[in-house]
Amino acid sequence: MPTFTAKVDDAGAVVLPKELRDRLAIAPGATVEFFLAWDGQVHVHAITGTTEGLAGLVVEKRSPPLSIREMDDAIMDADLERDERSKSGRRPERAGQAAE
């Protein structure tokens, strides 16, 4: 697994190494998110695209399109709801089935 090193300047800025920016297609002005995991690891998520490339795959077109972050949040919400249902003893609902 490749590793990359950068230094933090006095203002707290970090310049990502060019090879990493190239591999992740990070252009100037791109948004980069940092996630701190419960075990102390930091994960970096470069937001390099939008959902516009998925046009036609969904019924409803939203303007502005959903961000990757919004999609991640919706997936997490669904997982948490499914987890709560399993803890309460209720069976998870399946598409097309009515809730119990």
N, C-alpha and C. Protein backbone atom coordinates (compact mmCIF):
# COMPACT_ATOMS: atom_id res chain seq x y z
N MET A 1 0.86 -1.16 0.00
CA MET A 1 0.00 0.00 0.00
C MET A 1 0.91 1.23 0.00
N PRO A 2 0.71 2.14 -0.95
CA PRO A 2 1.56 3.33 -0.99
C PRO A 2 1.27 4.26 0.18
N THR A 3 2.30 4.94 0.63
CA THR A 3 2.14 5.94 1.69
C THR A 3 2.62 7.28 1.16
N PHE A 4 2.08 8.35 1.71
CA PHE A 4 2.41 9.70 1.29
C PHE A 4 2.64 10.53 2.54
N THR A 5 3.58 11.44 2.47
CA THR A 5 3.93 12.27 3.60
C THR A 5 3.80 13.73 3.23
N ALA A 6 3.30 14.53 4.16
CA ALA A 6 3.20 15.98 3.97
C ALA A 6 3.42 16.64 5.32
N LYS A 7 3.82 17.90 5.29
CA LYS A 7 4.03 18.65 6.52
C LYS A 7 2.91 19.65 6.72
N VAL A 8 2.64 19.96 7.97
CA VAL A 8 1.63 20.96 8.33
C VAL A 8 2.36 22.28 8.54
N ASP A 9 1.86 23.36 7.89
CA ASP A 9 2.51 24.66 8.07
C ASP A 9 1.95 25.36 9.30
N ASP A 10 2.44 26.55 9.59
CA ASP A 10 2.03 27.30 10.78
C ASP A 10 0.53 27.60 10.81
N ALA A 11 -0.08 27.71 9.64
CA ALA A 11 -1.52 28.00 9.56
C ALA A 11 -2.36 26.72 9.62
N GLY A 12 -1.71 25.56 9.70
CA GLY A 12 -2.45 24.29 9.76
C GLY A 12 -2.72 23.70 8.40
N ALA A 13 -2.22 24.32 7.33
CA ALA A 13 -2.47 23.81 5.98
C ALA A 13 -1.53 22.64 5.67
N VAL A 14 -2.05 21.70 4.90
CA VAL A 14 -1.27 20.56 4.45
C VAL A 14 -1.34 20.53 2.93
N VAL A 15 -0.20 20.44 2.28
CA VAL A 15 -0.18 20.31 0.82
C VAL A 15 -0.09 18.83 0.50
N LEU A 16 -1.09 18.32 -0.21
CA LEU A 16 -1.09 16.91 -0.57
C LEU A 16 -0.03 16.67 -1.64
N PRO A 17 0.73 15.61 -1.53
CA PRO A 17 1.74 15.31 -2.55
C PRO A 17 1.11 15.17 -3.94
N LYS A 18 1.83 15.62 -4.96
CA LYS A 18 1.30 15.62 -6.32
C LYS A 18 0.86 14.22 -6.77
N GLU A 19 1.66 13.20 -6.45
CA GLU A 19 1.29 11.84 -6.87
C GLU A 19 -0.05 11.42 -6.27
N LEU A 20 -0.30 11.79 -5.02
CA LEU A 20 -1.58 11.47 -4.39
C LEU A 20 -2.71 12.23 -5.05
N ARG A 21 -2.51 13.53 -5.29
CA ARG A 21 -3.54 14.33 -5.97
C ARG A 21 -3.86 13.75 -7.35
N ASP A 22 -2.83 13.34 -8.06
CA ASP A 22 -3.05 12.76 -9.39
C ASP A 22 -3.81 11.45 -9.31
N ARG A 23 -3.43 10.58 -8.38
CA ARG A 23 -4.11 9.27 -8.23
C ARG A 23 -5.58 9.43 -7.87
N LEU A 24 -5.89 10.44 -7.05
CA LEU A 24 -7.26 10.63 -6.59
C LEU A 24 -8.03 11.65 -7.42
N ALA A 25 -7.41 12.17 -8.46
CA ALA A 25 -8.02 13.18 -9.34
C ALA A 25 -8.50 14.39 -8.54
N ILE A 26 -7.67 14.84 -7.61
CA ILE A 26 -8.00 16.02 -6.81
C ILE A 26 -7.47 17.25 -7.52
N ALA A 27 -8.38 18.10 -7.96
CA ALA A 27 -8.02 19.33 -8.67
C ALA A 27 -8.02 20.49 -7.68
N PRO A 28 -7.35 21.59 -8.03
CA PRO A 28 -7.40 22.77 -7.16
C PRO A 28 -8.86 23.18 -6.90
N GLY A 29 -9.16 23.46 -5.66
CA GLY A 29 -10.52 23.85 -5.28
C GLY A 29 -11.42 22.69 -4.89
N ALA A 30 -10.95 21.45 -5.07
CA ALA A 30 -11.75 20.28 -4.71
C ALA A 30 -11.93 20.22 -3.19
N THR A 31 -13.02 19.65 -2.75
CA THR A 31 -13.29 19.48 -1.33
C THR A 31 -12.70 18.15 -0.86
N VAL A 32 -12.04 18.18 0.28
CA VAL A 32 -11.47 16.98 0.88
C VAL A 32 -12.01 16.89 2.30
N GLU A 33 -12.59 15.73 2.65
CA GLU A 33 -13.12 15.53 3.99
C GLU A 33 -12.18 14.62 4.77
N PHE A 34 -12.09 14.88 6.06
CA PHE A 34 -11.28 14.06 6.96
C PHE A 34 -12.22 13.43 7.98
N PHE A 35 -12.11 12.12 8.15
CA PHE A 35 -12.94 11.39 9.10
C PHE A 35 -12.05 10.81 10.19
N LEU A 36 -12.41 11.05 11.42
CA LEU A 36 -11.68 10.48 12.54
C LEU A 36 -12.47 9.27 13.03
N ALA A 37 -11.90 8.09 12.87
CA ALA A 37 -12.56 6.85 13.27
C ALA A 37 -12.45 6.67 14.79
N TRP A 38 -13.30 5.83 15.33
CA TRP A 38 -13.33 5.61 16.78
C TRP A 38 -12.00 5.08 17.29
N ASP A 39 -11.22 4.40 16.43
CA ASP A 39 -9.94 3.85 16.86
C ASP A 39 -8.79 4.83 16.68
N GLY A 40 -9.09 6.07 16.31
CA GLY A 40 -8.07 7.11 16.18
C GLY A 40 -7.48 7.24 14.79
N GLN A 41 -7.86 6.37 13.86
CA GLN A 41 -7.36 6.49 12.50
C GLN A 41 -8.08 7.62 11.78
N VAL A 42 -7.35 8.29 10.91
CA VAL A 42 -7.92 9.38 10.12
C VAL A 42 -8.07 8.88 8.68
N HIS A 43 -9.23 9.08 8.10
CA HIS A 43 -9.50 8.69 6.72
C HIS A 43 -9.77 9.96 5.92
N VAL A 44 -9.26 10.00 4.72
CA VAL A 44 -9.43 11.15 3.84
C VAL A 44 -10.35 10.75 2.70
N HIS A 45 -11.30 11.61 2.40
CA HIS A 45 -12.26 11.36 1.33
C HIS A 45 -12.25 12.58 0.41
N ALA A 46 -11.75 12.40 -0.79
CA ALA A 46 -11.74 13.50 -1.76
C ALA A 46 -13.04 13.47 -2.54
N ILE A 47 -13.73 14.59 -2.56
CA ILE A 47 -14.98 14.70 -3.30
C ILE A 47 -14.62 15.26 -4.68
N THR A 48 -14.51 14.37 -5.65
CA THR A 48 -14.03 14.77 -6.96
C THR A 48 -15.11 14.75 -8.03
N GLY A 49 -16.31 14.36 -7.69
CA GLY A 49 -17.36 14.30 -8.70
C GLY A 49 -18.72 14.58 -8.08
N THR A 50 -19.71 14.57 -8.91
CA THR A 50 -21.09 14.76 -8.44
C THR A 50 -21.93 13.60 -8.95
N THR A 51 -23.16 13.59 -8.58
CA THR A 51 -24.05 12.53 -9.02
C THR A 51 -24.62 12.79 -10.41
N GLU A 52 -24.21 13.87 -11.07
CA GLU A 52 -24.75 14.18 -12.39
C GLU A 52 -24.47 13.06 -13.39
N GLY A 53 -23.37 12.33 -13.21
CA GLY A 53 -23.06 11.22 -14.10
C GLY A 53 -24.05 10.07 -13.98
N LEU A 54 -24.87 10.08 -12.94
CA LEU A 54 -25.87 9.03 -12.74
C LEU A 54 -27.22 9.40 -13.33
N ALA A 55 -27.28 10.53 -14.06
CA ALA A 55 -28.55 11.00 -14.63
C ALA A 55 -29.19 9.89 -15.46
N GLY A 56 -30.49 9.74 -15.29
CA GLY A 56 -31.23 8.73 -16.02
C GLY A 56 -31.35 7.41 -15.27
N LEU A 57 -30.53 7.21 -14.26
CA LEU A 57 -30.60 5.96 -13.49
C LEU A 57 -31.63 6.05 -12.37
N VAL A 58 -32.03 7.24 -12.04
CA VAL A 58 -33.03 7.44 -11.01
C VAL A 58 -34.23 8.15 -11.61
N VAL A 59 -35.37 7.99 -10.98
CA VAL A 59 -36.59 8.57 -11.52
C VAL A 59 -36.62 10.08 -11.33
N GLU A 60 -36.27 10.53 -10.15
CA GLU A 60 -36.36 11.95 -9.83
C GLU A 60 -35.01 12.62 -10.01
N LYS A 61 -34.99 13.71 -10.76
CA LYS A 61 -33.76 14.48 -10.91
C LYS A 61 -33.81 15.60 -9.89
N ARG A 62 -32.76 15.71 -9.11
CA ARG A 62 -32.72 16.72 -8.06
C ARG A 62 -31.73 17.81 -8.45
N SER A 63 -32.10 19.02 -8.19
CA SER A 63 -31.21 20.14 -8.49
C SER A 63 -31.09 21.00 -7.25
N PRO A 64 -29.93 21.19 -6.67
CA PRO A 64 -28.67 20.59 -7.11
C PRO A 64 -28.65 19.11 -6.77
N PRO A 65 -27.80 18.35 -7.45
CA PRO A 65 -27.75 16.91 -7.20
C PRO A 65 -27.29 16.61 -5.78
N LEU A 66 -27.63 15.41 -5.30
CA LEU A 66 -27.17 14.98 -3.98
C LEU A 66 -25.65 14.90 -3.97
N SER A 67 -25.07 15.29 -2.87
CA SER A 67 -23.63 15.14 -2.72
C SER A 67 -23.32 13.73 -2.24
N ILE A 68 -22.08 13.34 -2.38
CA ILE A 68 -21.64 12.04 -1.88
C ILE A 68 -21.91 11.96 -0.38
N ARG A 69 -21.67 13.07 0.32
CA ARG A 69 -21.90 13.13 1.77
C ARG A 69 -23.37 12.87 2.11
N GLU A 70 -24.30 13.47 1.34
CA GLU A 70 -25.73 13.26 1.58
C GLU A 70 -26.10 11.79 1.34
N MET A 71 -25.53 11.19 0.30
CA MET A 71 -25.80 9.77 0.04
C MET A 71 -25.26 8.90 1.17
N ASP A 72 -24.03 9.20 1.63
CA ASP A 72 -23.45 8.45 2.75
C ASP A 72 -24.33 8.56 3.99
N ASP A 73 -24.83 9.77 4.28
CA ASP A 73 -25.69 9.98 5.44
C ASP A 73 -26.99 9.17 5.33
N ALA A 74 -27.58 9.13 4.13
CA ALA A 74 -28.82 8.38 3.93
C ALA A 74 -28.59 6.88 4.13
N ILE A 75 -27.46 6.39 3.65
CA ILE A 75 -27.13 4.96 3.83
C ILE A 75 -26.94 4.66 5.31
N MET A 76 -26.24 5.55 6.02
CA MET A 76 -26.02 5.34 7.44
C MET A 76 -27.34 5.36 8.21
N ASP A 77 -28.23 6.29 7.87
CA ASP A 77 -29.53 6.36 8.54
C ASP A 77 -30.31 5.06 8.33
N ALA A 78 -30.29 4.53 7.11
CA ALA A 78 -31.00 3.28 6.83
C ALA A 78 -30.39 2.12 7.62
N ASP A 79 -29.06 2.08 7.70
CA ASP A 79 -28.39 1.02 8.46
C ASP A 79 -28.74 1.11 9.95
N LEU A 80 -28.76 2.33 10.50
CA LEU A 80 -29.10 2.50 11.91
C LEU A 80 -30.54 2.07 12.18
N GLU A 81 -31.44 2.43 11.26
CA GLU A 81 -32.85 2.05 11.42
C GLU A 81 -32.99 0.53 11.37
N ARG A 82 -32.29 -0.12 10.43
CA ARG A 82 -32.33 -1.58 10.31
C ARG A 82 -31.78 -2.22 11.58
N ASP A 83 -30.71 -1.64 12.13
CA ASP A 83 -30.12 -2.16 13.35
C ASP A 83 -31.09 -2.04 14.52
N GLU A 84 -31.76 -0.91 14.64
CA GLU A 84 -32.74 -0.72 15.72
C GLU A 84 -33.90 -1.71 15.59
N ARG A 85 -34.36 -1.95 14.35
CA ARG A 85 -35.44 -2.92 14.15
C ARG A 85 -35.00 -4.31 14.58
N SER A 86 -33.75 -4.67 14.27
CA SER A 86 -33.29 -6.01 14.63
C SER A 86 -33.15 -6.16 16.14
N LYS A 87 -32.77 -5.08 16.83
CA LYS A 87 -32.66 -5.13 18.29
C LYS A 87 -34.03 -5.25 18.95
N SER A 88 -35.05 -4.68 18.31
CA SER A 88 -36.39 -4.71 18.89
C SER A 88 -37.13 -6.00 18.54
N GLY A 89 -36.52 -6.85 17.71
CA GLY A 89 -37.14 -8.11 17.35
C GLY A 89 -38.05 -8.04 16.15
N ARG A 90 -38.20 -6.85 15.57
CA ARG A 90 -39.02 -6.72 14.36
C ARG A 90 -38.21 -7.14 13.16
N ARG A 91 -38.87 -7.80 12.22
CA ARG A 91 -38.18 -8.18 10.99
C ARG A 91 -37.98 -6.96 10.11
N PRO A 92 -36.84 -6.86 9.42
CA PRO A 92 -36.64 -5.75 8.50
C PRO A 92 -37.64 -5.80 7.37
N GLU A 93 -38.08 -4.64 6.93
CA GLU A 93 -39.02 -4.57 5.81
C GLU A 93 -38.26 -4.78 4.51
N ARG A 94 -38.94 -5.38 3.56
CA ARG A 94 -38.34 -5.55 2.23
C ARG A 94 -39.14 -4.70 1.27
N ALA A 95 -38.52 -4.33 0.18
CA ALA A 95 -39.19 -3.50 -0.82
C ALA A 95 -40.48 -4.18 -1.24
N GLY A 96 -41.56 -3.42 -1.25
CA GLY A 96 -42.84 -3.94 -1.69
C GLY A 96 -43.66 -4.59 -0.60
N GLN A 97 -43.11 -4.75 0.61
CA GLN A 97 -43.85 -5.35 1.70
C GLN A 97 -44.31 -4.28 2.67
N ALA A 98 -45.46 -4.47 3.23
CA ALA A 98 -45.98 -3.52 4.23
C ALA A 98 -45.29 -3.77 5.57
N ALA A 99 -45.18 -2.71 6.35
CA ALA A 99 -44.59 -2.82 7.68
C ALA A 99 -45.50 -3.63 8.58
N GLU A 100 -44.91 -4.34 9.54
CA GLU A 100 -45.71 -5.14 10.48
C GLU A 100 -46.32 -4.26 11.55
